[in-house]
Amino acid sequence: MKIIKGSLFSIFISAIGLLIFAFILTNTNISESTIPIVIIIIANLSIFVGSIICNWKIKKNGIVNGMLVGLVYLIIIYLASSIAIKSFNFNLKSIIMILCSVISGTIGGIIGVNIKK
C-alpha cells in the first residue's frame, strides 16, 4: 500500500511540476526542444521524492520498494499515455525514462530507509 501511495504522490508532484513548466514555457522564450529533458527531470525528481516518502516509515527493503515506486509510476503513466495517445509507442526516450526512473526510485528508497526520525 505504501508503494501505491508513493507512486500516486509522485504522479501528483509530476502534475504540479509539469503545470509549472507549461506556464514557464508559455510565457517565456524557452525552446520547445527542452520539453523531453524537462519531463524526464520532473518525473525522476517526483519518483525520487515519492520513494523517500514511501520508505521513510517502512524502514526496510528500500532498494526494492524504491524500484517498485518507479515502476508503478511508469506503468500508470504509460497506460494513461497509451489510452490518451493512440499512436503511443516505445522509443529510445522511453527506455531512458525507464532506466532513470528505476535508478531514481532506488536511490530515493535507500535515502528514505536511512532517514532518522
Protein backbone atom coordinates (compact mmCIF):
# COMPACT_ATOMS: atom_id res chain seq x y z
CA MET A 1 0.00 0.00 0.00
CA LYS A 2 2.86 2.38 0.78
CA ILE A 3 4.28 1.75 -2.71
CA ILE A 4 0.98 2.76 -4.33
CA LYS A 5 0.81 5.86 -2.12
CA GLY A 6 4.41 6.75 -3.01
CA SER A 7 3.65 6.32 -6.72
CA LEU A 8 0.47 8.39 -6.56
CA PHE A 9 2.33 11.09 -4.63
CA SER A 10 4.98 11.04 -7.36
CA ILE A 11 2.31 11.50 -10.04
CA PHE A 12 0.83 14.40 -8.07
CA ILE A 13 4.26 16.07 -7.82
CA SER A 14 4.82 15.47 -11.55
CA ALA A 15 1.50 17.08 -12.41
CA ILE A 16 2.37 20.18 -10.42
CA GLY A 17 5.87 20.31 -11.93
CA LEU A 18 4.53 19.92 -15.46
CA LEU A 19 1.92 22.64 -14.92
CA ILE A 20 4.64 25.00 -13.71
CA PHE A 21 6.82 24.09 -16.70
CA ALA A 22 3.90 24.60 -19.10
CA PHE A 23 3.32 28.05 -17.61
CA ILE A 24 7.01 28.91 -17.95
CA LEU A 25 7.15 27.53 -21.50
CA THR A 26 4.09 29.57 -22.50
CA ASN A 27 5.27 32.85 -21.02
CA THR A 28 8.98 32.81 -21.88
CA ASN A 29 11.21 32.24 -24.88
CA ILE A 30 12.38 28.80 -23.76
CA SER A 31 12.76 26.47 -26.72
CA GLU A 32 10.35 23.57 -27.11
CA SER A 33 13.34 21.30 -27.64
CA THR A 34 13.80 21.33 -23.85
CA ILE A 35 10.48 19.55 -23.27
CA PRO A 36 11.73 15.91 -23.29
CA ILE A 37 14.65 16.68 -20.97
CA VAL A 38 12.50 18.65 -18.52
CA ILE A 39 9.86 15.90 -18.49
CA ILE A 40 12.50 13.30 -17.60
CA ILE A 41 13.90 15.56 -14.87
CA ILE A 42 10.48 16.30 -13.36
CA ALA A 43 9.43 12.64 -13.45
CA ASN A 44 12.66 11.46 -11.84
CA LEU A 45 12.57 14.09 -9.11
CA SER A 46 8.98 13.09 -8.42
CA ILE A 47 9.86 9.40 -8.23
CA PHE A 48 12.83 10.22 -6.01
CA VAL A 49 10.64 12.15 -3.54
CA GLY A 50 7.86 9.53 -3.71
CA SER A 51 10.37 6.78 -2.94
CA ILE A 52 11.75 8.69 0.03
CA ILE A 53 8.25 9.21 1.41
CA CYS A 54 7.29 5.58 0.76
CA ASN A 55 10.34 4.19 2.54
CA TRP A 56 10.51 6.71 5.36
CA LYS A 57 8.08 4.73 7.51
CA ILE A 58 8.75 1.22 6.17
CA LYS A 59 12.45 1.23 7.18
CA LYS A 60 13.33 -1.94 5.21
CA ASN A 61 13.86 -3.07 1.62
CA GLY A 62 14.49 0.48 0.41
CA ILE A 63 16.07 -0.63 -2.85
CA VAL A 64 13.19 -2.92 -3.83
CA ASN A 65 10.45 -0.57 -2.63
CA GLY A 66 12.06 2.39 -4.40
CA MET A 67 12.33 0.44 -7.64
CA LEU A 68 8.69 -0.58 -7.30
CA VAL A 69 7.60 3.03 -6.78
CA GLY A 70 9.39 3.95 -10.01
CA LEU A 71 7.94 1.00 -11.91
CA VAL A 72 4.37 1.55 -10.67
CA TYR A 73 4.69 5.24 -11.58
CA LEU A 74 5.82 4.33 -15.08
CA ILE A 75 3.12 1.71 -15.57
CA ILE A 76 0.43 4.22 -14.62
CA ILE A 77 1.92 6.94 -16.84
CA TYR A 78 2.45 4.63 -19.82
CA LEU A 79 -1.06 3.15 -19.53
CA ALA A 80 -2.55 6.64 -19.39
CA SER A 81 -0.40 7.71 -22.34
CA SER A 82 -1.34 4.71 -24.45
CA ILE A 83 -5.04 5.34 -23.78
CA ALA A 84 -4.81 9.10 -24.45
CA ILE A 85 -2.47 8.88 -27.44
CA LYS A 86 -3.44 6.17 -29.91
CA SER A 87 -0.07 6.27 -31.71
CA PHE A 88 1.90 5.86 -28.47
CA ASN A 89 4.97 3.61 -28.75
CA PHE A 90 8.25 2.84 -27.05
CA ASN A 91 11.40 4.53 -28.30
CA LEU A 92 14.85 5.47 -27.04
CA LYS A 93 13.43 8.22 -24.80
CA SER A 94 11.09 5.67 -23.22
CA ILE A 95 13.97 3.33 -22.44
CA ILE A 96 16.00 6.20 -20.96
CA MET A 97 12.97 7.20 -18.89
CA ILE A 98 12.54 3.65 -17.57
CA LEU A 99 16.20 3.32 -16.59
CA CYS A 100 16.35 6.75 -14.97
CA SER A 101 13.10 6.13 -13.09
CA VAL A 102 14.27 2.83 -11.66
CA ILE A 103 17.59 4.39 -10.63
CA SER A 104 16.00 7.47 -9.02
CA GLY A 105 13.44 5.26 -7.25
CA THR A 106 16.23 3.04 -5.95
CA ILE A 107 18.28 5.98 -4.68
CA GLY A 108 15.18 7.56 -3.11
CA GLY A 109 14.37 4.25 -1.44
CA ILE A 110 17.85 3.95 0.02
CA ILE A 111 17.71 7.51 1.35
CA GLY A 112 14.16 7.04 2.68
CA VAL A 113 15.08 3.94 4.67
CA ASN A 114 18.08 5.68 6.21
CA ILE A 115 16.36 8.90 7.29
CA LYS A 116 16.35 9.17 11.07
CA LYS A 117 13.22 10.39 12.79
